[in-house]
PDB file of N, CA and C in Angstrom:
ATOM      1  N   MET A   1      14.044  73.656  -8.419  1.00  0.00           N
ATOM      2  CA  MET A   1      12.994  73.916  -8.037  1.00  0.00           C
ATOM      3  C   MET A   1      12.651  73.177  -6.934  1.00  0.00           C
ATOM      4  N   ASN A   2      12.606  72.357  -6.937  1.00  0.00           N
ATOM      5  CA  ASN A   2      11.762  71.171  -6.021  1.00  0.00           C
ATOM      6  C   ASN A   2      13.549  71.100  -4.851  1.00  0.00           C
ATOM      7  N   HIS A   3      14.407  70.738  -5.518  1.00  0.00           N
ATOM      8  CA  HIS A   3      15.526  71.109  -4.284  1.00  0.00           C
ATOM      9  C   HIS A   3      15.352  72.215  -3.474  1.00  0.00           C
ATOM     10  N   MET A   4      15.445  72.974  -4.198  1.00  0.00           N
ATOM     11  CA  MET A   4      15.506  74.558  -3.640  1.00  0.00           C
ATOM     12  C   MET A   4      14.484  74.724  -2.366  1.00  0.00           C
ATOM     13  N   VAL A   5      13.178  74.414  -2.776  1.00  0.00           N
ATOM     14  CA  VAL A   5      11.973  74.525  -1.828  1.00  0.00           C
ATOM     15  C   VAL A   5      12.392  73.414  -0.430  1.00  0.00           C
ATOM     16  N   LYS A   6      13.158  72.363  -0.838  1.00  0.00           N
ATOM     17  CA  LYS A   6      13.216  71.537   0.679  1.00  0.00           C
ATOM     18  C   LYS A   6      14.347  72.117   0.968  1.00  0.00           C
ATOM     19  N   GLU A   7      15.962  72.513   0.706  1.00  0.00           N
ATOM     20  CA  GLU A   7      16.621  72.998   1.698  1.00  0.00           C
ATOM     21  C   GLU A   7      16.367  74.703   2.145  1.00  0.00           C
ATOM     22  N   LEU A   8      15.149  75.833   1.596  1.00  0.00           N
ATOM     23  CA  LEU A   8      15.252  76.723   2.051  1.00  0.00           C
ATOM     24  C   LEU A   8      14.071  76.122   3.120  1.00  0.00           C
ATOM     25  N   ALA A   9      13.599  75.184   3.083  1.00  0.00           N
ATOM     26  CA  ALA A   9      12.400  75.002   4.149  1.00  0.00           C
ATOM     27  C   ALA A   9      13.255  74.238   5.133  1.00  0.00           C
ATOM     28  N   ARG A  10      14.450  73.792   5.249  1.00  0.00           N
ATOM     29  CA  ARG A  10      15.487  73.375   6.109  1.00  0.00           C
ATOM     30  C   ARG A  10      16.085  74.929   6.883  1.00  0.00           C
ATOM     31  N   VAL A  11      16.640  75.313   5.835  1.00  0.00           N
ATOM     32  CA  VAL A  11      16.977  76.598   6.556  1.00  0.00           C
ATOM     33  C   VAL A  11      16.502  77.176   7.386  1.00  0.00           C
ATOM     34  N   VAL A  12      15.304  77.752   6.788  1.00  0.00           N
ATOM     35  CA  VAL A  12      14.493  78.858   7.494  1.00  0.00           C
ATOM     36  C   VAL A  12      13.416  78.153   8.138  1.00  0.00           C
ATOM     37  N   GLY A  13      13.249  77.221   8.949  1.00  0.00           N
ATOM     38  CA  GLY A  13      12.654  76.469   9.251  1.00  0.00           C
ATOM     39  C   GLY A  13      13.046  77.019  10.965  1.00  0.00           C
ATOM     40  N   PRO A  14      14.003  76.665  11.251  1.00  0.00           N
ATOM     41  CA  PRO A  14      13.747  77.358  13.095  1.00  0.00           C
ATOM     42  C   PRO A  14      13.681  78.542  13.106  1.00  0.00           C
ATOM     43  N   ALA A  15      12.968  79.731  12.238  1.00  0.00           N
ATOM     44  CA  ALA A  15      12.659  80.681  12.217  1.00  0.00           C
ATOM     45  C   ALA A  15      11.370  80.607  12.272  1.00  0.00           C
ATOM     46  N   GLY A  16      10.623  80.285  12.229  1.00  0.00           N
ATOM     47  CA  GLY A  16       8.880  79.611  11.697  1.00  0.00           C
ATOM     48  C   GLY A  16       8.505  80.217  10.712  1.00  0.00           C
ATOM     49  N   ILE A  17       9.663  79.793   9.570  1.00  0.00           N
ATOM     50  CA  ILE A  17       9.145  80.441   8.261  1.00  0.00           C
ATOM     51  C   ILE A  17       8.988  79.325   7.510  1.00  0.00           C
ATOM     52  N   ARG A  18       7.763  78.580   6.598  1.00  0.00           N
ATOM     53  CA  ARG A  18       7.365  77.528   6.282  1.00  0.00           C
ATOM     54  C   ARG A  18       7.975  77.989   4.265  1.00  0.00           C
ATOM     55  N   ILE A  19       8.440  76.777   3.500  1.00  0.00           N
ATOM     56  CA  ILE A  19       8.346  77.600   2.067  1.00  0.00           C
ATOM     57  C   ILE A  19       7.644  75.778   1.591  1.00  0.00           C
ATOM     58  N   ASN A  20       6.608  76.252   0.620  1.00  0.00           N
ATOM     59  CA  ASN A  20       6.110  75.391  -0.192  1.00  0.00           C
ATOM     60  C   ASN A  20       6.347  75.517  -1.717  1.00  0.00           C
ATOM     61  N   ALA A  21       5.782  74.441  -2.480  1.00  0.00           N
ATOM     62  CA  ALA A  21       5.792  74.908  -3.389  1.00  0.00           C
ATOM     63  C   ALA A  21       4.641  73.963  -4.450  1.00  0.00           C
ATOM     64  N   ILE A  22       3.993  74.725  -5.470  1.00  0.00           N
ATOM     65  CA  ILE A  22       2.799  74.085  -6.154  1.00  0.00           C
ATOM     66  C   ILE A  22       3.112  73.548  -7.594  1.00  0.00           C
ATOM     67  N   SER A  23       3.399  72.153  -8.095  1.00  0.00           N
ATOM     68  CA  SER A  23       3.607  71.890  -9.101  1.00  0.00           C
ATOM     69  C   SER A  23       2.249  71.953  -9.932  1.00  0.00           C
ATOM     70  N   PRO A  24       1.938  72.698 -11.014  1.00  0.00           N
ATOM     71  CA  PRO A  24       0.430  72.371 -11.745  1.00  0.00           C
ATOM     72  C   PRO A  24       1.194  71.505 -12.858  1.00  0.00           C
ATOM     73  N   GLY A  25       0.177  71.022 -13.284  1.00  0.00           N
ATOM     74  CA  GLY A  25       0.058  70.217 -14.390  1.00  0.00           C
ATOM     75  C   GLY A  25      -0.660  70.885 -15.707  1.00  0.00           C
ATOM     76  N   ASN A  26      -1.499  70.421 -16.661  1.00  0.00           N
ATOM     77  CA  ASN A  26      -2.164  71.465 -17.912  1.00  0.00           C
ATOM     78  C   ASN A  26      -3.161  72.161 -17.255  1.00  0.00           C
ATOM     79  N   ILE A  27      -3.077  73.400 -17.189  1.00  0.00           N
ATOM     80  CA  ILE A  27      -4.174  73.955 -16.481  1.00  0.00           C
ATOM     81  C   ILE A  27      -4.941  75.083 -17.893  1.00  0.00           C
ATOM     82  N   ILE A  28      -5.821  74.692 -18.043  1.00  0.00           N
ATOM     83  CA  ILE A  28      -6.427  75.675 -18.834  1.00  0.00           C
ATOM     84  C   ILE A  28      -7.409  76.849 -18.152  1.00  0.00           C
ATOM     85  N   PHE A  29      -7.147  78.054 -19.328  1.00  0.00           N
ATOM     86  CA  PHE A  29      -7.770  78.864 -18.952  1.00  0.00           C
ATOM     87  C   PHE A  29      -7.896  80.061 -20.456  1.00  0.00           C
ATOM     88  N   PRO A  30      -8.760  81.027 -20.376  1.00  0.00           N
ATOM     89  CA  PRO A  30      -9.069  81.417 -21.750  1.00  0.00           C
ATOM     90  C   PRO A  30      -7.941  82.767 -21.639  1.00  0.00           C
ATOM     91  N   GLY A  31      -7.452  82.608 -23.112  1.00  0.00           N
ATOM     92  CA  GLY A  31      -6.514  82.900 -23.913  1.00  0.00           C
ATOM     93  C   GLY A  31      -4.586  82.363 -23.354  1.00  0.00           C
ATOM     94  N   GLY A  32      -4.838  81.266 -22.321  1.00  0.00           N
ATOM     95  CA  GLY A  32      -3.705  80.638 -22.274  1.00  0.00           C
ATOM     96  C   GLY A  32      -3.083  79.678 -23.527  1.00  0.00           C
ATOM     97  N   SER A  33      -1.792  78.999 -23.477  1.00  0.00           N
ATOM     98  CA  SER A  33      -1.656  77.992 -24.548  1.00  0.00           C
ATOM     99  C   SER A  33      -2.099  76.772 -24.869  1.00  0.00           C
ATOM    100  N   TRP A  34      -2.506  76.729 -23.499  1.00  0.00           N
ATOM    101  CA  TRP A  34      -3.494  75.254 -23.614  1.00  0.00           C
ATOM    102  C   TRP A  34      -4.906  75.170 -24.422  1.00  0.00           C
ATOM    103  N   GLN A  35      -5.405  76.192 -23.784  1.00  0.00           N
ATOM    104  CA  GLN A  35      -6.717  76.952 -24.564  1.00  0.00           C
ATOM    105  C   GLN A  35      -6.526  76.397 -26.368  1.00  0.00           C
ATOM    106  N   GLU A  36      -5.530  77.369 -26.513  1.00  0.00           N
ATOM    107  CA  GLU A  36      -4.916  78.074 -27.646  1.00  0.00           C
ATOM    108  C   GLU A  36      -4.999  76.564 -28.733  1.00  0.00           C
ATOM    109  N   ARG A  37      -3.932  75.642 -28.288  1.00  0.00           N
ATOM    110  CA  ARG A  37      -3.697  74.258 -28.695  1.00  0.00           C
ATOM    111  C   ARG A  37      -5.084  73.303 -28.758  1.00  0.00           C
ATOM    112  N   SER A  38      -6.166  73.380 -27.905  1.00  0.00           N
ATOM    113  CA  SER A  38      -7.071  72.339 -28.251  1.00  0.00           C
ATOM    114  C   SER A  38      -7.901  73.195 -28.964  1.00  0.00           C
ATOM    115  N   GLU A  39      -8.018  73.918 -29.113  1.00  0.00           N
ATOM    116  CA  GLU A  39      -9.236  74.991 -30.220  1.00  0.00           C
ATOM    117  C   GLU A  39      -8.474  75.340 -31.331  1.00  0.00           C
ATOM    118  N   GLY A  40      -7.297  74.540 -31.719  1.00  0.00           N
ATOM    119  CA  GLY A  40      -6.712  75.242 -32.535  1.00  0.00           C
ATOM    120  C   GLY A  40      -6.658  73.945 -33.549  1.00  0.00           C
ATOM    121  N   GLU A  41      -6.091  73.972 -34.856  1.00  0.00           N
ATOM    122  CA  GLU A  41      -5.500  72.530 -35.690  1.00  0.00           C
ATOM    123  C   GLU A  41      -6.200  71.325 -35.651  1.00  0.00           C
ATOM    124  N   ARG A  42      -5.305  71.434 -34.828  1.00  0.00           N
ATOM    125  CA  ARG A  42      -4.219  69.961 -33.989  1.00  0.00           C
ATOM    126  C   ARG A  42      -5.329  69.317 -32.659  1.00  0.00           C
ATOM    127  N   GLY A  43      -6.417  70.590 -32.197  1.00  0.00           N
ATOM    128  CA  GLY A  43      -7.406  70.095 -31.086  1.00  0.00           C
ATOM    129  C   GLY A  43      -7.533  68.914 -31.052  1.00  0.00           C
ATOM    130  N   ASP A  44      -7.998  68.223 -31.952  1.00  0.00           N
ATOM    131  CA  ASP A  44      -8.603  67.183 -31.025  1.00  0.00           C
ATOM    132  C   ASP A  44      -6.812  66.108 -30.835  1.00  0.00           C
ATOM    133  N   VAL A  45      -6.326  65.840 -31.540  1.00  0.00           N
ATOM    134  CA  VAL A  45      -4.816  65.242 -30.937  1.00  0.00           C
ATOM    135  C   VAL A  45      -4.540  65.702 -29.876  1.00  0.00           C
ATOM    136  N   TRP A  46      -4.358  67.167 -29.207  1.00  0.00           N
ATOM    137  CA  TRP A  46      -4.319  67.472 -28.208  1.00  0.00           C
ATOM    138  C   TRP A  46      -5.133  67.307 -27.079  1.00  0.00           C
ATOM    139  N   LYS A  47      -6.024  66.904 -27.191  1.00  0.00           N
ATOM    140  CA  LYS A  47      -7.267  66.321 -26.075  1.00  0.00           C
ATOM    141  C   LYS A  47      -7.415  64.848 -26.086  1.00  0.00           C
ATOM    142  N   LYS A  48      -6.958  64.037 -27.142  1.00  0.00           N
ATOM    143  CA  LYS A  48      -6.455  62.918 -27.452  1.00  0.00           C
ATOM    144  C   LYS A  48      -5.316  62.469 -26.525  1.00  0.00           C
ATOM    145  N   TRP A  49      -4.353  63.583 -26.444  1.00  0.00           N
ATOM    146  CA  TRP A  49      -3.084  63.276 -25.650  1.00  0.00           C
ATOM    147  C   TRP A  49      -3.501  63.439 -24.221  1.00  0.00           C
ATOM    148  N   ILE A  50      -4.236  64.310 -23.556  1.00  0.00           N
ATOM    149  CA  ILE A  50      -4.582  64.270 -22.339  1.00  0.00           C
ATOM    150  C   ILE A  50      -5.563  63.624 -21.574  1.00  0.00           C
ATOM    151  N   ARG A  51      -6.035  63.021 -22.595  1.00  0.00           N
ATOM    152  CA  ARG A  51      -7.343  61.754 -22.007  1.00  0.00           C
ATOM    153  C   ARG A  51      -5.801  60.333 -21.690  1.00  0.00           C
ATOM    154  N   ARG A  52      -4.876  60.132 -22.601  1.00  0.00           N
ATOM    155  CA  ARG A  52      -4.245  59.452 -22.712  1.00  0.00           C
ATOM    156  C   ARG A  52      -3.025  59.468 -21.210  1.00  0.00           C
ATOM    157  N   GLU A  53      -2.642  60.465 -21.169  1.00  0.00           N
ATOM    158  CA  GLU A  53      -1.072  60.899 -20.322  1.00  0.00           C
ATOM    159  C   GLU A  53      -1.823  61.348 -18.414  1.00  0.00           C
ATOM    160  N   VAL A  54      -3.020  61.916 -18.718  1.00  0.00           N
ATOM    161  CA  VAL A  54      -3.593  62.614 -17.312  1.00  0.00           C
ATOM    162  C   VAL A  54      -4.499  61.777 -16.943  1.00  0.00           C
ATOM    163  N   PRO A  55      -4.122  60.840 -15.860  1.00  0.00           N
ATOM    164  CA  PRO A  55      -5.162  60.083 -15.257  1.00  0.00           C
ATOM    165  C   PRO A  55      -6.932  60.575 -15.129  1.00  0.00           C
ATOM    166  N   LEU A  56      -6.299  61.218 -14.932  1.00  0.00           N
ATOM    167  CA  LEU A  56      -8.061  62.005 -14.580  1.00  0.00           C
ATOM    168  C   LEU A  56      -8.862  62.719 -15.921  1.00  0.00           C
ATOM    169  N   GLN A  57      -7.622  62.308 -17.004  1.00  0.00           N
ATOM    170  CA  GLN A  57      -8.460  62.826 -18.208  1.00  0.00           C
ATOM    171  C   GLN A  57      -9.202  64.036 -18.814  1.00  0.00           C
ATOM    172  N   ARG A  58      -8.197  64.839 -18.181  1.00  0.00           N
ATOM    173  CA  ARG A  58      -8.728  66.502 -18.552  1.00  0.00           C
ATOM    174  C   ARG A  58      -8.109  67.320 -17.999  1.00  0.00           C
ATOM    175  N   PHE A  59      -7.847  68.606 -18.842  1.00  0.00           N
ATOM    176  CA  PHE A  59      -7.106  70.033 -18.141  1.00  0.00           C
ATOM    177  C   PHE A  59      -7.485  69.751 -16.401  1.00  0.00           C
ATOM    178  N   GLY A  60      -6.749  70.787 -15.908  1.00  0.00           N
ATOM    179  CA  GLY A  60      -7.037  71.425 -14.467  1.00  0.00           C
ATOM    180  C   GLY A  60      -7.264  72.457 -14.941  1.00  0.00           C
ATOM    181  N   LYS A  61      -7.935  73.037 -13.814  1.00  0.00           N
ATOM    182  CA  LYS A  61      -8.664  74.670 -13.598  1.00  0.00           C
ATOM    183  C   LYS A  61      -7.673  75.518 -12.877  1.00  0.00           C
ATOM    184  N   PRO A  62      -7.725  76.873 -13.143  1.00  0.00           N
ATOM    185  CA  PRO A  62      -7.001  77.468 -11.853  1.00  0.00           C
ATOM    186  C   PRO A  62      -7.574  77.495 -10.425  1.00  0.00           C
ATOM    187  N   GLU A  63      -8.585  77.979 -10.443  1.00  0.00           N
ATOM    188  CA  GLU A  63      -9.567  77.333  -9.125  1.00  0.00           C
ATOM    189  C   GLU A  63      -9.103  76.336  -8.660  1.00  0.00           C
ATOM    190  N   GLU A  64      -8.319  75.038  -9.317  1.00  0.00           N
ATOM    191  CA  GLU A  64      -7.889  73.965  -8.735  1.00  0.00           C
ATOM    192  C   GLU A  64      -6.305  74.864  -7.966  1.00  0.00           C
ATOM    193  N   ILE A  65      -5.997  74.847  -8.802  1.00  0.00           N
ATOM    194  CA  ILE A  65      -4.605  75.840  -8.462  1.00  0.00           C
ATOM    195  C   ILE A  65      -4.454  76.524  -6.832  1.00  0.00           C
ATOM    196  N   GLY A  66      -5.800  77.529  -6.782  1.00  0.00           N
ATOM    197  CA  GLY A  66      -5.865  78.357  -5.899  1.00  0.00           C
ATOM    198  C   GLY A  66      -6.027  77.682  -4.796  1.00  0.00           C
ATOM    199  N   SER A  67      -6.983  76.680  -5.052  1.00  0.00           N
ATOM    200  CA  SER A  67      -7.511  75.322  -4.265  1.00  0.00           C
ATOM    201  C   SER A  67      -6.009  75.239  -2.784  1.00  0.00           C
ATOM    202  N   ALA A  68      -4.986  74.812  -3.837  1.00  0.00           N
ATOM    203  CA  ALA A  68      -4.324  74.216  -3.019  1.00  0.00           C
ATOM    204  C   ALA A  68      -3.174  75.359  -2.929  1.00  0.00           C
ATOM    205  N   ALA A  69      -3.502  76.638  -3.151  1.00  0.00           N
ATOM    206  CA  ALA A  69      -2.272  77.984  -2.756  1.00  0.00           C
ATOM    207  C   ALA A  69      -2.916  77.967  -0.637  1.00  0.00           C
ATOM    208  N   ALA A  70      -4.579  78.093  -0.917  1.00  0.00           N
ATOM    209  CA  ALA A  70      -5.297  78.727  -0.263  1.00  0.00           C
ATOM    210  C   ALA A  70      -5.169  77.312   0.823  1.00  0.00           C
ATOM    211  N   TYR A  71      -5.017  76.305   1.228  1.00  0.00           N
ATOM    212  CA  TYR A  71      -4.607  75.372   2.229  1.00  0.00           C
ATOM    213  C   TYR A  71      -3.159  75.664   2.230  1.00  0.00           C
ATOM    214  N   LEU A  72      -2.625  75.480   1.880  1.00  0.00           N
ATOM    215  CA  LEU A  72      -0.908  75.926   2.226  1.00  0.00           C
ATOM    216  C   LEU A  72      -0.471  77.558   3.074  1.00  0.00           C
ATOM    217  N   LEU A  73      -1.521  77.831   2.577  1.00  0.00           N
ATOM    218  CA  LEU A  73      -1.748  79.503   3.299  1.00  0.00           C
ATOM    219  C   LEU A  73      -2.692  79.467   4.759  1.00  0.00           C
ATOM    220  N   SER A  74      -3.121  78.497   4.652  1.00  0.00           N
ATOM    221  CA  SER A  74      -4.071  78.370   5.774  1.00  0.00           C
ATOM    222  C   SER A  74      -3.183  78.025   7.082  1.00  0.00           C
ATOM    223  N   GLU A  75      -3.824  77.980   8.276  1.00  0.00           N
ATOM    224  CA  GLU A  75      -3.761  77.241   9.646  1.00  0.00           C
ATOM    225  C   GLU A  75      -3.640  76.008   9.393  1.00  0.00           C
ATOM    226  N   ARG A  76      -4.347  74.932   8.497  1.00  0.00           N
ATOM    227  CA  ARG A  76      -4.343  73.416   8.414  1.00  0.00           C
ATOM    228  C   ARG A  76      -2.926  72.893   7.610  1.00  0.00           C
ATOM    229  N   ALA A  77      -2.198  74.024   7.147  1.00  0.00           N
ATOM    230  CA  ALA A  77      -0.845  73.514   6.880  1.00  0.00           C
ATOM    231  C   ALA A  77       0.227  74.252   7.829  1.00  0.00           C
ATOM    232  N   SER A  78      -0.272  74.623   8.806  1.00  0.00           N
ATOM    233  CA  SER A  78       1.144  74.945  10.033  1.00  0.00           C
ATOM    234  C   SER A  78       1.833  74.298   9.684  1.00  0.00           C
ATOM    235  N   PHE A  79       1.967  72.750  10.019  1.00  0.00           N
ATOM    236  CA  PHE A  79       3.329  71.806   9.498  1.00  0.00           C
ATOM    237  C   PHE A  79       3.611  71.226   8.663  1.00  0.00           C
ATOM    238  N   VAL A  80       3.596  71.827   7.630  1.00  0.00           N
ATOM    239  CA  VAL A  80       3.547  71.554   6.234  1.00  0.00           C
ATOM    240  C   VAL A  80       4.724  72.688   5.775  1.00  0.00           C
ATOM    241  N   THR A  81       6.149  72.336   5.511  1.00  0.00           N
ATOM    242  CA  THR A  81       6.706  72.452   4.818  1.00  0.00           C
ATOM    243  C   THR A  81       7.864  71.918   3.917  1.00  0.00           C
ATOM    244  N   GLY A  82       8.153  72.442   3.481  1.00  0.00           N
ATOM    245  CA  GLY A  82       9.355  71.387   2.080  1.00  0.00           C
ATOM    246  C   GLY A  82       8.555  71.031   1.195  1.00  0.00           C
ATOM    247  N   ALA A  83       7.248  71.087   1.170  1.00  0.00           N
ATOM    248  CA  ALA A  83       6.380  70.314   0.403  1.00  0.00           C
ATOM    249  C   ALA A  83       6.171  70.747  -1.155  1.00  0.00           C
ATOM    250  N   ILE A  84       6.869  69.844  -2.015  1.00  0.00           N
ATOM    251  CA  ILE A  84       5.858  70.271  -3.576  1.00  0.00           C
ATOM    252  C   ILE A  84       4.777  69.263  -3.873  1.00  0.00           C
ATOM    253  N   ILE A  85       3.800  70.017  -3.883  1.00  0.00           N
ATOM    254  CA  ILE A  85       2.387  69.660  -3.938  1.00  0.00           C
ATOM    255  C   ILE A  85       2.050  69.574  -5.531  1.00  0.00           C
ATOM    256  N   PRO A  86       1.790  68.362  -5.795  1.00  0.00           N
ATOM    257  CA  PRO A  86       1.664  68.767  -7.401  1.00  0.00           C
ATOM    258  C   PRO A  86      -0.166  68.423  -7.501  1.00  0.00           C
ATOM    259  N   VAL A  87      -0.476  69.645  -8.499  1.00  0.00           N
ATOM    260  CA  VAL A  87      -1.808  69.450  -8.827  1.00  0.00           C
ATOM    261  C   VAL A  87      -1.980  68.969 -10.333  1.00  0.00           C
ATOM    262  N   ASP A  88      -1.642  67.719 -10.644  1.00  0.00           N
ATOM    263  CA  ASP A  88      -1.480  67.847 -11.874  1.00  0.00           C
ATOM    264  C   ASP A  88      -2.812  66.418 -12.201  1.00  0.00           C
ATOM    265  N   GLY A  89      -3.541  66.558 -11.927  1.00  0.00           N
ATOM    266  CA  GLY A  89      -4.314  65.542 -12.607  1.00  0.00           C
ATOM    267  C   GLY A  89      -3.774  63.812 -12.295  1.00  0.00           C
ATOM    268  N   GLY A  90      -2.469  63.639 -11.466  1.00  0.00           N
ATOM    269  CA  GLY A  90      -2.071  62.212 -11.227  1.00  0.00           C
ATOM    270  C   GLY A  90      -0.585  62.317 -12.718  1.00  0.00           C
ATOM    271  N   GLN A  91      -0.745  63.106 -13.495  1.00  0.00           N
ATOM    272  CA  GLN A  91       0.617  63.107 -14.232  1.00  0.00           C
ATOM    273  C   GLN A  91       1.900  62.987 -13.932  1.00  0.00           C
ATOM    274  N   THR A  92       2.051  63.059 -12.803  1.00  0.00           N
ATOM    275  CA  THR A  92       3.562  63.061 -12.321  1.00  0.00           C
ATOM    276  C   THR A  92       3.539  61.749 -12.512  1.00  0.00           C
ATOM    277  N   ARG A  93       4.374  61.273 -13.076  1.00  0.00           N
ATOM    278  CA  ARG A  93       4.799  59.567 -12.684  1.00  0.00           C
ATOM    279  C   ARG A  93       6.287  59.721 -11.649  1.00  0.00           C
TER     280      ARG A  93
END
């Protein structure tokens, strides 16, 4: 996916079209799999894993993904193309 974003940005950029992507981390929301896991029988294990593997030591929230999307849709990102924006609490290594 990352390669496709970068290649499409190169191909359609001359037409003024911007292509970007958001790479989300562990996002928790009602009814989602992370909520199910963290409240389930092994919930403490998953919470410990998040604290160990995610530098911000927490799950992300849907509105944090929305904020990144709003930025990419705004004029402030008018010179951004071919970018993959991680919204993962620092988990990307």
